[in-house]
Each structure stands twice: as C-alpha cells, then as structure tokens.
Protein backbone atom coordinates (compact mmCIF):
# COMPACT_ATOMS: atom_id res chain seq x y z
CA MET A 1 25.36 247.26 197.62
CA ASP A 2 24.98 248.04 193.92
CA TYR A 3 24.63 251.76 193.17
CA ILE A 4 25.01 251.53 189.38
CA PRO A 5 22.75 249.61 186.98
CA ARG A 6 24.82 247.09 185.09
CA PRO A 7 25.61 248.44 181.60
CA HIS A 8 25.44 246.47 178.39
CA LEU A 9 28.50 244.23 178.13
CA LYS A 10 29.27 245.64 174.68
CA HIS A 11 29.93 249.09 176.10
CA ALA A 12 31.27 248.44 179.58
CA VAL A 13 31.90 245.74 182.15
CA LEU A 14 32.18 245.87 185.93
CA VAL A 15 35.54 244.62 187.15
CA PRO A 16 36.18 243.99 190.90
CA LEU A 17 39.03 246.05 192.33
CA PRO A 18 41.70 243.97 194.12
CA SER A 19 41.46 244.54 197.87
CA SER A 20 45.22 245.10 197.93
CA SER A 21 45.14 247.98 195.42
CA THR A 22 45.68 251.58 196.46
CA LEU A 23 42.40 252.67 194.85
CA TYR A 24 40.43 250.02 196.76
CA LYS A 25 41.94 251.09 200.09
CA ALA A 26 41.27 254.78 199.40
CA LEU A 27 37.63 254.15 198.45
CA LEU A 28 37.16 251.85 201.45
CA GLN A 29 38.44 254.54 203.80
CA LYS A 30 36.15 257.14 202.20
CA MET A 31 33.07 254.89 202.45
CA GLN A 32 33.78 254.05 206.09
CA THR A 33 33.97 257.75 206.83
CA ILE A 34 30.54 258.26 205.28
CA GLY A 35 28.94 255.18 206.86
CA PRO A 36 30.98 253.57 209.66
CA SER A 37 28.53 250.66 209.99
CA MET A 38 28.51 249.96 206.26
CA LYS A 39 29.74 246.51 205.23
CA ILE A 40 31.70 246.57 201.99
CA ILE A 41 31.37 243.33 200.01
CA SER A 42 33.14 244.45 196.85
CA ILE A 43 34.10 247.57 194.92
CA GLU A 44 33.84 247.44 191.16
CA GLU A 45 35.00 249.82 188.45
CA ILE A 46 33.49 250.36 185.01
CA ARG A 47 35.73 249.49 182.07
CA ASN A 48 35.14 249.69 178.35
CA PRO A 49 36.47 246.47 176.77
CA LEU A 50 37.19 248.19 173.46
CA LEU A 51 39.20 250.97 175.08
CA GLU A 52 40.94 248.55 177.40
CA ASP A 53 42.06 246.38 174.50
CA THR A 54 43.30 249.39 172.55
CA TYR A 55 45.06 250.76 175.61
CA GLU A 56 46.87 247.50 176.32
CA SER A 57 47.81 246.94 172.69
CA MET A 58 49.24 250.44 172.39
CA LYS A 59 51.31 249.94 175.54
CA LYS A 60 52.79 246.84 173.93
CA VAL A 61 53.62 248.86 170.81
CA ILE A 62 55.38 251.49 172.92
CA ALA A 63 57.31 248.84 174.82
CA ARG A 64 58.38 247.21 171.58
CA GLU A 65 59.38 250.41 169.77
CA CYS A 66 60.97 252.08 172.78
CA PRO A 67 62.92 249.41 174.69
CA ASN A 68 64.30 250.27 178.11
CA HIS A 69 62.04 253.29 178.28
CA ASN A 70 59.11 253.82 180.59
CA PRO A 71 56.82 256.44 178.98
CA ASN A 72 55.32 259.11 181.20
CA GLU A 73 51.65 258.51 180.54
CA GLN A 74 50.66 261.87 182.00
CA LYS A 75 51.89 263.68 178.89
CA LEU A 76 48.69 263.21 176.95
CA PHE A 77 46.54 264.59 174.17
CA HIS A 78 42.93 264.66 175.36
CA GLY A 79 41.56 265.60 178.75
CA THR A 80 44.87 266.19 180.52
CA LYS A 81 45.42 269.28 182.63
CA GLY A 82 48.28 271.02 184.38
CA ASP A 83 51.88 270.08 183.72
CA ALA A 84 50.98 267.57 181.03
CA ILE A 85 49.56 270.28 178.78
CA LYS A 86 52.60 272.46 179.49
CA GLY A 87 54.81 269.62 178.31
CA ILE A 88 52.92 269.41 175.04
CA VAL A 89 53.09 273.17 174.50
CA ASP A 90 56.82 273.30 175.25
CA ASP A 91 58.01 270.08 173.64
CA GLY A 92 55.32 269.08 171.17
CA TYR A 93 53.65 265.68 170.90
CA ASP A 94 55.71 262.59 171.59
CA ASP A 95 54.87 259.81 169.16
CA ARG A 96 55.22 257.31 172.00
CA PHE A 97 52.05 258.81 173.46
CA PHE A 98 50.12 259.25 170.23
CA SER A 99 48.99 257.11 167.32
CA GLN A 100 46.04 256.54 165.04
CA GLY A 101 44.54 254.45 167.84
CA GLY A 102 44.19 257.46 170.09
CA ALA A 103 45.77 258.68 173.31
CA TRP A 104 45.53 257.36 176.84
CA GLY A 105 46.08 258.11 180.52
CA PRO A 106 44.29 259.88 183.41
CA GLY A 107 41.38 261.95 182.12
CA ALA A 108 42.00 260.95 178.50
CA TYR A 109 39.57 259.66 175.91
CA PHE A 110 40.06 257.94 172.57
CA ALA A 111 39.54 259.89 169.35
CA ASP A 112 38.09 258.30 166.21
CA ASN A 113 40.16 260.42 163.84
CA PRO A 114 42.91 262.00 165.93
CA GLN A 115 45.18 264.66 164.49
CA LYS A 116 48.40 265.90 165.96
CA SER A 117 49.76 269.35 165.27
CA HIS A 118 53.23 269.37 166.80
CA LYS A 119 54.33 271.84 164.13
CA TYR A 120 52.25 274.49 165.88
CA THR A 121 53.89 274.15 169.31
CA ALA A 122 55.83 277.06 170.76
CA ALA A 123 59.13 275.19 170.42
CA TYR A 124 58.61 274.43 166.73
CA GLN A 125 57.15 277.80 165.81
CA SER A 126 60.06 279.60 167.46
CA ILE A 127 62.38 278.34 164.72
CA GLN A 128 59.84 277.75 161.94
CA PRO A 129 57.18 280.48 162.24
CA GLY A 130 54.36 280.69 159.74
CA VAL A 131 53.84 283.61 157.38
CA MET A 132 50.77 285.79 157.92
CA PHE A 133 51.00 288.48 155.23
CA TYR A 134 52.38 287.32 151.91
CA ASN A 135 52.75 290.89 150.70
CA LYS A 136 55.26 291.37 153.53
CA MET A 137 57.09 288.06 153.46
CA SER A 138 60.46 289.65 154.17
CA MET A 139 59.03 291.25 157.31
CA SER A 140 57.86 288.04 158.96
CA ALA A 141 61.31 286.75 159.93
CA LYS A 142 62.48 290.20 161.09
CA LEU A 143 59.43 290.66 163.32
CA HIS A 144 59.73 287.17 164.78
CA LEU A 145 63.42 287.57 165.59
CA SER A 146 62.91 291.10 166.94
CA PHE A 147 60.21 290.11 169.41
CA GLN A 148 62.22 287.10 170.54
CA GLY A 149 65.25 289.33 170.91
CA LEU A 150 63.19 291.82 172.90
CA SER A 151 62.43 289.16 175.51
CA LEU A 152 66.11 288.20 175.71
CA PHE A 153 67.14 291.86 176.03
CA GLN A 154 64.67 292.40 178.86
CA ASN A 155 65.86 289.28 180.68
CA GLN A 156 69.49 290.30 180.30
CA TYR A 157 69.22 294.00 181.21
CA ASN A 158 65.98 294.01 183.27
CA ALA A 159 64.62 296.75 181.03
CA LEU A 160 63.52 297.44 177.49
CA PRO A 161 65.77 299.35 175.08
CA GLN A 162 65.59 303.08 175.80
CA PRO A 163 63.82 305.18 173.16
CA TRP A 164 66.20 306.35 170.41
CA ASN A 165 69.26 305.25 172.36
CA ASP A 166 72.11 304.23 170.03
CA ASP A 167 73.92 302.09 172.61
CA ASP A 168 70.81 300.07 173.45
CA ALA A 169 69.99 299.74 169.76
CA ASP A 170 73.46 298.28 169.08
CA LYS A 171 73.11 295.82 171.98
CA PHE A 172 69.70 294.80 170.74
CA TYR A 173 70.99 294.19 167.22
CA GLU A 174 73.79 291.98 168.56
CA ILE A 175 71.22 289.86 170.45
CA VAL A 176 69.00 289.47 167.38
CA GLU A 177 71.95 288.65 165.12
CA LYS A 178 73.19 286.01 167.56
CA LEU A 179 69.70 284.57 167.87
CA ASN A 180 69.46 284.21 164.10
CA ARG A 181 72.88 282.55 163.87
CA GLU A 182 72.12 280.07 166.65
CA ASN A 183 69.26 278.61 164.65
CA GLY A 184 71.89 276.90 162.49
CA GLU A 185 70.28 275.29 159.47
CA GLN A 186 66.98 276.82 160.53
CA VAL A 187 68.31 280.38 160.13
CA LEU A 188 65.24 282.56 159.66
CA THR A 189 66.65 285.16 157.31
CA ASP A 190 69.83 285.80 155.37
CA GLN A 191 69.00 289.49 155.08
CA LEU A 192 68.99 290.82 158.63
CA ASN A 193 68.54 294.58 158.10
CA LYS A 194 70.56 296.33 160.81
CA HIS A 195 68.85 299.66 160.23
CA TRP A 196 65.40 298.07 160.60
CA ILE A 197 66.38 296.16 163.77
CA ARG A 198 67.73 299.36 165.33
CA LEU A 199 64.48 301.16 164.50
CA PHE A 200 62.58 298.39 166.26
CA ALA A 201 64.72 298.86 169.39
CA LYS A 202 64.33 302.64 169.39
CA THR A 203 60.53 302.61 169.07
CA CYS A 204 59.55 299.43 170.95
CA THR A 205 58.66 301.28 174.17
CA GLY A 206 56.03 303.31 172.36
CA ASP A 207 52.34 302.39 172.45
CA LEU A 208 50.04 303.48 169.64
CA CYS A 209 46.28 303.47 170.17
CA PRO A 210 45.39 302.38 166.59
CA ILE A 211 47.75 299.39 166.83
CA GLN A 212 46.39 298.48 170.26
CA SER A 213 42.86 298.64 168.84
CA VAL A 214 43.73 296.08 166.17
CA ILE A 215 45.54 293.75 168.57
CA GLY A 216 42.83 294.21 171.20
CA GLY A 217 40.14 293.09 168.76
CA ILE A 218 42.15 290.02 167.80
CA ALA A 219 42.83 289.21 171.47
CA ALA A 220 39.11 289.47 172.23
CA GLN A 221 38.37 286.98 169.44
CA GLU A 222 40.99 284.61 170.88
CA ALA A 223 39.30 284.87 174.28
CA ILE A 224 35.98 283.92 172.68
CA LYS A 225 37.68 280.95 171.02
CA ALA A 226 39.13 279.83 174.35
CA VAL A 227 35.78 280.10 176.14
CA THR A 228 33.72 278.37 173.45
CA GLY A 229 36.32 275.88 172.24
CA LYS A 230 34.65 276.19 168.85
CA PHE A 231 37.26 277.73 166.58
CA MET A 232 40.94 277.12 165.85
CA PRO A 233 43.21 279.49 167.82
CA ILE A 234 46.13 281.42 166.42
CA ARG A 235 49.10 279.11 165.93
CA GLN A 236 51.36 280.47 168.68
CA PHE A 237 52.46 283.77 167.11
CA LEU A 238 50.81 286.65 165.26
CA TYR A 239 52.72 289.81 164.40
CA PHE A 240 51.27 293.03 163.05
CA ASP A 241 53.34 295.95 161.81
CA ALA A 242 52.69 299.33 160.27
CA ILE A 243 56.27 300.47 159.75
CA GLU A 244 55.13 302.50 156.74
CA CYS A 245 53.71 305.04 159.20
CA LEU A 246 57.18 306.15 160.30
CA PRO A 247 58.45 309.39 158.71
CA GLU A 248 60.26 308.97 155.41
CA ASN A 249 63.44 310.65 156.68
CA VAL A 250 63.87 307.79 159.15
CA PHE A 251 64.37 305.45 156.22
CA HIS A 252 66.56 307.93 154.34
CA SER A 253 69.20 307.58 157.04
CA LEU A 254 69.82 304.03 155.86
CA ASN A 255 71.29 305.36 152.62
CA GLU A 256 72.88 308.44 154.15
CA GLY A 257 74.79 306.48 156.80
CA THR A 258 73.46 308.63 159.66
CA SER A 259 71.99 307.56 162.98
CA GLU A 260 68.25 307.11 163.13
CA SER A 261 68.10 309.23 166.28
CA ASN A 262 69.14 312.32 164.29
CA THR A 263 65.79 312.24 162.51
CA ARG A 264 63.78 312.95 165.66
CA SER A 265 62.53 316.47 166.09
CA ASN A 266 62.99 316.52 169.84
CA PHE A 267 62.63 314.01 172.62
CA PRO A 268 59.23 313.99 174.36
CA SER A 269 58.66 314.71 178.02
CA LYS A 270 57.45 311.82 180.15
CA GLN A 271 54.92 314.21 181.67
CA SER A 272 53.01 314.31 178.39
CA ARG A 273 49.80 312.31 178.14
CA TYR A 274 50.89 311.26 174.66
CA TYR A 275 54.43 310.28 175.61
CA SER A 276 54.15 306.70 174.30
CA GLN A 277 52.99 308.08 170.94
CA GLU A 278 55.59 310.82 170.83
CA VAL A 279 58.32 308.21 171.42
CA VAL A 280 57.52 306.84 167.97
CA PHE A 281 56.62 309.95 165.98
CA GLY A 282 58.04 312.91 167.92
CA GLU A 283 56.50 316.02 169.45
CA ASP A 284 56.11 317.92 166.17
CA PHE A 285 53.89 315.18 164.81
CA GLN A 286 51.84 315.20 168.02
CA ASP A 287 51.32 318.94 167.67
CA LYS A 288 49.97 318.40 164.16
CA LEU A 289 47.50 315.81 165.46
CA GLY A 290 46.38 318.14 168.23
CA ASN A 291 45.74 321.03 165.82
CA ALA A 292 44.06 318.89 163.16
CA LYS A 293 40.43 319.44 162.16
CA TYR A 294 38.60 316.20 161.34
CA PHE A 295 35.01 315.44 160.44
CA LEU A 296 33.53 312.09 161.52
CA ILE A 297 30.28 311.10 159.81
CA GLY A 298 28.44 308.56 161.95
CA SER A 299 28.71 307.83 165.67
CA GLY A 300 27.41 304.28 165.84
CA ALA A 301 29.48 301.16 166.47
CA ILE A 302 32.46 302.20 164.33
CA GLY A 303 32.01 305.87 165.13
CA CYS A 304 32.33 305.24 168.87
CA GLU A 305 35.58 303.34 168.31
CA ILE A 306 36.99 306.08 166.09
CA LEU A 307 36.08 308.83 168.54
CA LYS A 308 37.75 306.85 171.32
CA ASN A 309 40.88 306.50 169.21
CA PHE A 310 40.83 310.21 168.39
CA ALA A 311 40.65 311.05 172.09
CA MET A 312 43.47 308.67 173.01
CA MET A 313 45.65 309.98 170.17
CA GLY A 314 44.97 313.62 171.02
CA ILE A 315 43.41 314.55 167.68
CA GLY A 316 41.61 317.89 167.95
CA CYS A 317 43.03 318.53 171.43
CA GLY A 318 45.37 321.37 170.47
CA ARG A 319 44.63 325.08 170.49
CA ASP A 320 43.51 325.13 166.85
CA GLY A 321 42.19 321.58 166.62
CA THR A 322 38.57 320.43 166.38
CA VAL A 323 36.66 317.21 165.82
CA PHE A 324 33.24 317.49 164.19
CA VAL A 325 30.84 314.56 164.49
CA SER A 326 27.53 314.16 162.68
CA ASP A 327 24.74 311.61 163.15
CA MET A 328 21.02 312.06 162.58
CA ASP A 329 20.08 308.88 164.48
CA SER A 330 18.93 308.48 168.08
CA ILE A 331 20.06 305.87 170.61
CA LYS A 332 18.06 302.64 170.85
CA ILE A 333 18.29 299.89 173.43
CA SER A 334 19.72 297.54 170.80
CA ASP A 335 22.70 299.89 170.38
CA LEU A 336 23.96 299.59 173.95
CA HIS A 337 25.78 296.26 173.66
CA ARG A 338 28.12 297.45 170.88
CA GLN A 339 28.24 301.25 171.12
CA PHE A 340 30.12 301.74 174.37
CA LEU A 341 29.80 305.53 174.62
CA PHE A 342 26.08 305.18 175.36
CA ARG A 343 24.24 304.06 178.50
CA SER A 344 20.65 303.05 179.20
CA ARG A 345 19.92 306.55 180.50
CA ASP A 346 20.76 307.87 177.01
CA ILE A 347 18.05 305.94 175.13
CA GLY A 348 16.13 308.33 172.89
CA LYS A 349 18.86 310.98 172.82
CA MET A 350 20.82 311.90 169.70
CA LYS A 351 23.91 309.77 169.18
CA SER A 352 26.27 312.55 168.12
CA ILE A 353 25.48 314.74 171.14
CA VAL A 354 25.86 311.92 173.70
CA ALA A 355 29.02 310.64 171.99
CA ALA A 356 30.59 314.10 172.18
CA GLN A 357 29.72 314.37 175.87
CA SER A 358 31.17 310.93 176.62
CA ILE A 359 34.39 311.66 174.75
CA LYS A 360 34.94 314.79 176.84
CA VAL A 361 35.07 312.50 179.87
CA ILE A 362 37.81 310.40 178.23
CA ASN A 363 39.81 313.45 177.14
CA PRO A 364 38.59 316.83 178.44
CA ASN A 365 41.05 318.61 176.13
CA MET A 366 39.29 317.56 172.94
CA HIS A 367 37.44 320.32 171.09
CA ILE A 368 34.42 318.54 169.67
CA HIS A 369 31.25 319.82 168.00
CA ALA A 370 28.22 317.60 167.44
CA TYR A 371 25.72 317.90 164.58
CA VAL A 372 22.37 316.13 164.38
CA ASP A 373 21.97 316.86 160.67
CA GLY A 374 22.89 314.26 158.10
CA VAL A 375 25.40 314.99 155.35
CA LEU A 376 22.94 315.30 152.47
CA PRO A 377 22.22 317.60 149.54
CA GLU A 378 19.49 319.16 151.73
CA THR A 379 22.05 320.21 154.38
CA GLU A 380 24.65 321.87 152.15
CA HIS A 381 23.83 325.19 153.80
CA ILE A 382 25.31 323.69 157.01
CA TYR A 383 28.20 321.72 155.51
CA ASN A 384 29.15 324.47 153.06
CA ASP A 385 32.37 325.54 151.34
CA HIS A 386 33.80 327.14 154.47
CA PHE A 387 33.10 324.01 156.51
CA PHE A 388 34.89 321.63 154.12
CA GLN A 389 37.79 323.97 153.35
CA GLN A 390 38.81 324.16 157.02
CA LEU A 391 39.06 320.36 157.38
CA ASP A 392 42.26 318.33 157.33
CA GLY A 393 40.40 315.09 156.65
CA LEU A 394 37.17 313.10 156.92
CA VAL A 395 36.24 309.68 158.31
CA THR A 396 33.05 307.85 157.36
CA ALA A 397 31.37 305.42 159.73
CA VAL A 398 28.06 305.00 157.93
CA ASP A 399 26.09 301.94 156.89
CA ASN A 400 25.07 302.75 153.32
CA VAL A 401 26.84 303.21 149.99
CA LYS A 402 24.84 306.27 148.92
CA THR A 403 26.12 308.41 151.79
CA ARG A 404 29.68 307.20 151.23
CA GLN A 405 29.55 308.19 147.57
CA TYR A 406 28.12 311.62 148.39
CA ILE A 407 30.90 312.31 150.90
CA ASP A 408 33.51 310.94 148.51
CA ARG A 409 32.43 313.43 145.83
CA HIS A 410 32.96 316.28 148.27
CA CYS A 411 36.39 314.94 149.25
CA VAL A 412 37.41 314.83 145.59
CA TYR A 413 36.06 318.33 144.99
CA TYR A 414 37.72 319.88 148.06
CA ARG A 415 40.83 317.65 147.80
CA LYS A 416 40.51 316.23 151.28
CA PRO A 417 41.77 312.83 152.48
CA LEU A 418 39.13 310.29 153.43
CA VAL A 419 39.16 307.16 155.59
CA ASP A 420 36.20 304.87 154.91
CA SER A 421 35.30 301.95 157.18
CA GLY A 422 32.64 299.29 157.45
CA ILE A 423 31.76 296.10 159.31
CA PHE A 424 29.65 293.00 158.77
CA GLY A 425 29.57 290.63 161.71
CA THR A 426 33.18 289.74 162.49
CA LYS A 427 34.41 291.11 159.16
CA ALA A 428 35.69 294.65 158.72
CA SER A 429 37.06 296.83 155.94
CA ALA A 430 38.93 300.11 155.67
CA GLN A 431 39.97 302.24 152.71
CA VAL A 432 42.30 305.23 152.82
CA VAL A 433 41.81 307.80 150.06
CA VAL A 434 44.56 310.39 149.57
CA PRO A 435 44.17 313.13 146.92
CA PHE A 436 46.50 312.72 143.92
CA LEU A 437 47.90 309.48 145.38
CA THR A 438 45.13 306.85 145.52
CA GLU A 439 41.88 306.18 143.74
CA SER A 440 38.73 307.62 145.26
CA TYR A 441 36.06 305.56 146.97
CA SER A 442 33.68 305.82 144.01
CA SER A 443 36.31 304.67 141.52
CA THR A 444 35.23 301.09 142.21
CA ASN A 445 31.86 299.62 143.07
CA ASP A 446 31.30 297.82 146.36
CA PRO A 447 29.79 294.33 146.09
CA SER A 448 26.17 293.95 147.06
CA ASP A 449 25.45 293.37 150.74
CA PRO A 450 26.30 289.75 151.67
CA LYS A 451 23.39 287.49 152.38
CA GLY A 452 23.08 285.68 155.67
CA ASP A 453 24.29 282.16 154.88
CA LEU A 454 23.42 279.40 157.34
CA SER A 455 26.85 279.37 158.99
CA THR A 456 26.69 283.12 159.63
CA VAL A 457 23.08 282.92 160.81
CA ILE A 458 23.81 280.21 163.40
CA ASN A 459 27.28 281.26 164.58
CA PHE A 460 27.22 285.06 164.18
CA PRO A 461 23.63 286.36 164.16
CA ILE A 462 24.02 290.14 164.00
CA SER A 463 20.60 291.31 162.85
CA ILE A 464 16.90 290.67 163.42
CA ASN A 465 16.74 288.99 159.99
CA HIS A 466 19.38 286.49 161.09
CA THR A 467 17.39 285.47 164.17
CA ILE A 468 14.28 285.04 162.02
CA GLN A 469 16.22 282.88 159.55
CA TRP A 470 17.62 280.85 162.44
CA ALA A 471 14.14 280.28 163.85
CA LEU A 472 12.80 279.24 160.43
CA TYR A 473 15.69 276.84 159.90
CA THR A 474 15.28 275.32 163.36
CA PHE A 475 11.51 274.94 162.99
CA SER A 476 11.87 273.42 159.53
CA ASP A 477 14.55 270.98 160.68
CA LEU A 478 12.54 269.88 163.70
CA PHE A 479 8.96 269.75 162.44
CA THR A 480 9.16 269.58 158.63
CA ILE A 481 12.21 267.94 157.07
CA SER A 482 12.72 265.07 159.52
CA ALA A 483 8.95 264.47 159.80
CA GLN A 484 8.61 264.29 156.00
CA GLN A 485 11.48 261.82 155.80
CA ALA A 486 9.91 259.58 158.44
CA GLU A 487 6.52 259.75 156.67
CA GLU A 488 8.09 258.84 153.31
CA PHE A 489 9.86 255.87 154.88
CA VAL A 490 6.66 254.53 156.45
CA ARG A 491 4.75 254.92 153.17
CA ASP A 492 7.44 253.44 150.89
CA PRO A 493 10.58 252.10 152.66
CA LYS A 494 12.20 250.76 149.49
CA GLY A 495 11.51 253.89 147.44
CA PHE A 496 12.76 256.13 150.25
CA THR A 497 16.00 254.17 150.46
CA GLU A 498 16.56 254.35 146.70
CA ARG A 499 15.82 258.08 146.47
CA THR A 500 18.07 258.82 149.44
CA ALA A 501 20.96 256.85 147.97
CA LYS A 502 20.55 258.51 144.57
CA ASN A 503 19.88 262.15 145.43
CA LEU A 504 21.73 262.91 148.66
CA SER A 505 25.39 263.27 149.57
CA GLU A 506 27.04 260.86 151.98
CA TYR A 507 26.37 263.24 154.85
CA GLY A 508 22.78 263.78 153.68
CA LYS A 509 22.17 260.03 153.52
CA ASN A 510 23.41 259.48 157.06
CA GLU A 511 21.40 262.43 158.34
CA ALA A 512 18.19 261.17 156.68
CA ILE A 513 18.63 257.68 158.13
CA GLU A 514 19.37 259.10 161.58
CA ASN A 515 16.25 261.29 161.38
CA VAL A 516 14.06 258.29 160.53
CA LYS A 517 15.65 256.18 163.25
CA ARG A 518 15.26 258.94 165.82
CA ILE A 519 11.60 259.63 165.04
CA LEU A 520 10.34 256.07 164.50
CA VAL A 521 12.50 254.12 166.93
CA GLU A 522 14.57 255.93 169.52
CA HIS A 523 12.38 258.90 170.41
CA ARG A 524 9.01 257.83 169.11
CA PRO A 525 6.41 259.28 171.49
CA ARG A 526 3.46 257.06 172.36
CA ASN A 527 1.74 259.37 174.84
CA PHE A 528 1.89 262.92 176.15
CA THR A 529 4.58 262.04 178.70
CA ASP A 530 6.78 260.74 175.90
CA CYS A 531 6.26 264.04 174.06
CA ILE A 532 7.56 265.94 177.09
CA LYS A 533 10.58 263.63 177.26
CA TRP A 534 11.20 264.15 173.55
CA ALA A 535 11.07 267.94 173.93
CA SER A 536 13.55 267.80 176.81
CA LEU A 537 16.01 265.91 174.62
CA TYR A 538 15.94 268.51 171.85
CA ARG A 539 18.76 271.04 171.73
CA LEU A 540 19.36 273.99 169.45
CA PRO A 541 22.12 273.45 166.87
C-alpha cells in the first residue's frame, strides 16, 4: 500500500526501513492493531538527500574534532523540547552540536543562516550581565549581585531578610561580598557599597505599586513575545530601581556612620493594608500620602491606571485626603478593551463618574470627587483659586498638548507639582515637574504627533486610521503593485528587467521577480475555480 504520493527526488526520497529496526517493528505493531488482516509489504520513510548529506558530514566533523566523545544529539538548537532546551539555557550552546551548516537531531530543522547566542544564556549572564541604563552604570552590578544574593539568602535561611534588621542586613552583605569574590577574574564590581547592599536587604520585603506597575507592563510584553514568537525576548535579566525615592536621611547615615534603621520613623504594623509600602518608606510617609489632595485630569487609559495606583498606594484615603478626577468624555465601546474600570453596562456614562465608583470598590477608604467639566478657561469658576490652592499636586492623563499647556500654566502660577504622562501604541512618556527644581512642561515643545509608519500600522494598529492604512497597503500590494509588475513584464520583458535592476534594491528586485513568477506562473488563474484557489492561498502580511 502506498499512502503518500512520491515526492520529487530533488526534495525527498523514499527509503525502505530495515525490518530489523526498532522503528519498523513499532510501526508494524501499530498497523496490525489498526488492521489485523493487513499485509505489510514494506515501510518507507521520507528523507531529504540534502539534509541527510549535511547531517552525515557534520557527524564526521564532530567525530574528527571530538575524538572518544559521543555527542548527545538531543541537546539541539531548533525544534527540541523538554530537557534539551533546559540544557541550552543552563549551559549554553555546545559547538559540537552547532555550526554554519545548521543543527540536527529529533525534531530539528536546518537553518540557512543560523546564529547562536550563548552569551545570553543564564549561566553566562550570571557572571557577565548586560547594562540596561547607561546613566546608572554603577548600579547594574550592585543590582545583579543583590538579587542573586537574595536567592542564596532565601535558600540558606528559608526566609527573606527581615525589614530593617541589622543582623540580617550584615548576613546578606556577607553573602553578596562572597558571591562577588567567587567570580574571580569576572568580578562584577570593585566598589561594593556596603551601605547600599544593607539598604537593599532592609527594604527587599516591601512591594510598591508603582514599581509593580512598571514590571507588570514589561512582563505582559514578554508574555506577548512568548505567545507570538515575533520579537526578541529580554536577555535573561532586567533590573529596575528607583532608589532615589528613599528619604535623603537614609543616605546621610552613610557619612554619619549610623545604622540605616535609625532613620525609620517607626516600624509599621502588619495589620496595615499598606504594610509592604510602609516597610520601605515608614508610617509617617504613608500618613502624608493618605492626607494628600491630588487632582487627576483625564480618566481614560492612563487615567484608569493612575487611579488604580492611587487606590493601591492609599493616596487620598486619610481623614484630610481627597482625589479629584475630571473628564468631560463619555464611555464608548472602543474604550472597554484598554480602560479596565469600565464595563459594557457603562457605555454612554461619563468616564469620571464611573471611574470614581469603580475605584471605591478597589479601596472604599478613598475620598474621591468626580467632575464632568473640562479644565478650560470657560470653567475657571469651578477650578478657581480656592480649588488649586488646596491641592498638593496634579497629574495629567490627557491626549492633547493644548490642555497640558493650560494646566502647566496653572501649576506654575500656583506653584504646584505636576506629573505629565502620555502613550502612543507601546511607547510611553512621563515628566515630573517640581516648582523651583525642574523646568515646566511648557519650557520645551513636544514633537509633532508621530505618523503611522508601515511597521507600526501592521504590528501595532492602535487607531482607526491605522486599520485604514493597513487595508490600503494590503489592497495595493495584492491588486495594484504586483499586477502592474506582471503587466509590465508581459508588455516588455527586457525593459522590465533593466528597470528593475537599475531602480530597485536587492530586496525590491527579488520581490518584483517573485510577484511576476507568482502571478504568471505559479498561481495564474485560468478559470473561476483557479481564482477561488488563488484567494485561499492569500494570507495577510
């Protein structure tokens, strides 16, 4: 019986399996289970002569370069699952299993232009981590060693260092110092700051909502990368720090020779909802957040995130605290996928009112007032002198420069701090304006709104205009450009070839030739049935 049409000999050949082989016996047993009366004449397997030749030649190279060694062919590059991938992650690529010819083994395929990246494995990056922020180059090694030391501390003591505990901080520093020394020639830093390492140990059990928001967004992007397989992942480690947020007197103790724990106001109670935040900043700081009065302008995509962070941090949840939120827009169905405080039942309602109601569910202690009036010259009777003078700060989450500049002028006039934020697709920006310390928002001009380039349109369509551009590009590519190229070739083959060679890049030349070949040869429809087949072959880019 022959279940498979014989392929072209250039691409594959059918090779009979020896009846004594394990694979033959296993297949024979399976077939006899399916059809006991079936008579098996032969069992053949498909082989690609080109791959077979490369495979055999590479095995000879391995045998020659690695005498008396039998390579484990399950540690592979492409297509391998399970323990083989773990071996690559832990140990990096073994040159015995990798070359310019490709990689081989169960589930593997051969790459035309393979690239190995053993320098990005966990083992390599543990001793030679990359630098993320060049304005904090001295921090990279400290962070890397501290997080590695944290894992060792937890394994050794079955717990994390206790908050602001001097004994645990000293033990932690000893672990980190030893870890740095054991790297030998690969020592990560010659300037291991004991004071900084102790601060890390004393605050590492704290969890801060703003930090978690940043890391959570990055983790979500990594999940998308893993699902799509379309973008390069983070190379093993990414560290983010905001040590500048700690009180200044914590750093003063370095020069004064005092313990960092003396700088705490008082130790927080574990019964507090904000315990993990108080571990880092203390109860006095938490009281200031609770009694703060903040004004959020805009409750859309960014506004929802900021309100959530406010609620988790306890801003406006004290006796004298208040959060004001303003938005003159109503909820649309297109808002629901990215503005998580709203539900389908809220469509048509005012954003600020619904956002305030939803936030009260997250933190019932928040004192929040919603306004449906925009912050404009026409509403200065609402947002008057008394309103601005009572505020401790403002946050903008709006989508236009004019409103930002208007609010910025008021912040300058009333001497109020401002946090401005904005997004465009996967990009985001934030600017902190502090009176008498930083420049104001209007001191510099924002660049004009970025246009939707083709890469953004196809990979990250975030607006109706992007989908229209995508449709136009797809229609033009399918029915205009390739059709014109085929028509030019039929009318003047020699002239088409000369113009293509002269005017197009190497990629453009190949694409033009492939378009002509596809339309006139491979997928040329001769009747309506062929047109249906052609349409079924087409895929969106």
